[in-house]
Amino acid sequence: MVGDDPNPGPLPHRTYATLIGGPLDGLLLDVTDWRPEEIDGGVALSTELGRWPGGRALYDPRRGELRAPGPGVMCRFHYSGDTP
C-alpha cells in the first residue's frame, strides 16, 4: 500500500484501488499486476486497526462500478467487514 512508502502518493506508472470505508479508508492499494479476476474477488488486508487487532479488513469492488483503464486510480474497493 502507498501508506507504507516514505514518499506517499500514487506513482504515474502504477495502478491503484482506493479503499472506501472501514479502518483503511482513503488508502491506495497497488493493483498494478493483478488480473481482472483477482480484482473482482476483492481483498482481505492485515491490519491492527480493525475489530480484531492482527485480523483482516475485507474490501470488495461493487458490482457494476466502472473501472478506469490504464495507470492511476482505476477502481474502488468498499469495506465489507472484518475477520480474525
Protein backbone atom coordinates (compact mmCIF):
# COMPACT_ATOMS: atom_id res chain seq x y z
CA MET A 1 0.00 0.00 0.00
CA VAL A 2 1.08 3.52 -0.61
CA GLY A 3 0.83 4.29 3.13
CA ASP A 4 3.99 2.24 3.73
CA ASP A 5 6.10 4.40 1.39
CA PRO A 6 8.19 7.25 2.88
CA ASN A 7 7.11 9.34 -0.15
CA PRO A 8 3.38 8.54 -0.31
CA GLY A 9 1.34 9.21 -3.36
CA PRO A 10 0.45 7.38 -6.50
CA LEU A 11 3.28 6.71 -8.91
CA PRO A 12 2.47 7.60 -12.52
CA HIS A 13 3.25 4.12 -13.91
CA ARG A 14 1.25 2.14 -11.30
CA THR A 15 -2.46 1.24 -10.98
CA TYR A 16 -4.40 1.58 -7.71
CA ALA A 17 -7.68 0.80 -5.99
CA THR A 18 -8.93 3.36 -3.46
CA LEU A 19 -10.12 1.81 -0.18
CA ILE A 20 -13.51 3.20 0.88
CA GLY A 21 -14.76 2.97 4.47
CA GLY A 22 -13.53 0.82 7.33
CA PRO A 23 -10.20 1.06 9.11
CA LEU A 24 -8.14 1.68 5.95
CA ASP A 25 -10.41 4.34 4.44
CA GLY A 26 -8.67 6.59 1.94
CA LEU A 27 -5.57 4.46 1.42
CA LEU A 28 -4.50 3.29 -2.02
CA LEU A 29 -3.84 -0.37 -2.79
CA ASP A 30 -1.40 -1.09 -5.63
CA VAL A 31 -3.15 -3.48 -8.04
CA THR A 32 -0.79 -2.96 -10.99
CA ASP A 33 -0.02 -6.64 -11.56
CA TRP A 34 -3.45 -8.02 -10.60
CA ARG A 35 -5.53 -9.92 -13.15
CA PRO A 36 -9.18 -8.79 -13.60
CA GLU A 37 -10.48 -11.85 -11.74
CA GLU A 38 -8.23 -11.03 -8.77
CA ILE A 39 -9.67 -7.51 -8.64
CA ASP A 40 -13.20 -8.94 -8.91
CA GLY A 41 -12.50 -11.15 -5.87
CA GLY A 42 -11.66 -8.26 -3.55
CA VAL A 43 -9.05 -8.43 -0.81
CA ALA A 44 -8.52 -9.23 2.88
CA LEU A 45 -5.85 -6.86 4.24
CA SER A 46 -3.98 -7.39 7.51
CA THR A 47 -4.46 -4.54 9.94
CA GLU A 48 -4.19 -3.70 13.63
CA LEU A 49 -6.97 -1.14 13.20
CA GLY A 50 -9.96 -3.43 12.67
CA ARG A 51 -12.33 -5.17 15.05
CA TRP A 52 -9.71 -7.86 15.74
CA PRO A 53 -6.15 -6.50 16.07
CA GLY A 54 -3.96 -8.61 13.81
CA GLY A 55 -7.05 -9.60 11.81
CA ARG A 56 -8.07 -8.62 8.32
CA ALA A 57 -10.25 -5.89 6.87
CA LEU A 58 -12.33 -7.07 3.90
CA TYR A 59 -12.70 -4.85 0.83
CA ASP A 60 -14.59 -5.64 -2.37
CA PRO A 61 -15.39 -3.86 -5.63
CA ARG A 62 -19.06 -3.01 -6.17
CA ARG A 63 -20.81 -4.88 -8.93
CA GLY A 64 -21.29 -2.70 -11.99
CA GLU A 65 -18.99 0.09 -10.81
CA LEU A 66 -16.88 1.38 -13.69
CA ARG A 67 -13.10 0.99 -13.81
CA ALA A 68 -10.73 3.42 -15.45
CA PRO A 69 -8.26 1.84 -17.88
CA GLY A 70 -4.52 2.40 -17.53
CA PRO A 71 -2.36 3.76 -14.71
CA GLY A 72 -3.66 5.83 -11.81
CA VAL A 73 -6.67 5.07 -9.62
CA MET A 74 -8.69 2.56 -11.63
CA CYS A 75 -11.32 1.36 -9.15
CA ARG A 76 -12.67 1.48 -5.59
CA PHE A 77 -12.79 -1.32 -3.03
CA HIS A 78 -15.53 -0.86 -0.42
CA TYR A 79 -15.24 -2.08 3.17
CA SER A 80 -17.42 -5.12 3.86
CA GLY A 81 -16.29 -6.18 7.36
CA ASP A 82 -13.51 -7.69 9.45
CA THR A 83 -12.32 -11.21 10.08
CA PRO A 84 -9.96 -12.55 12.77
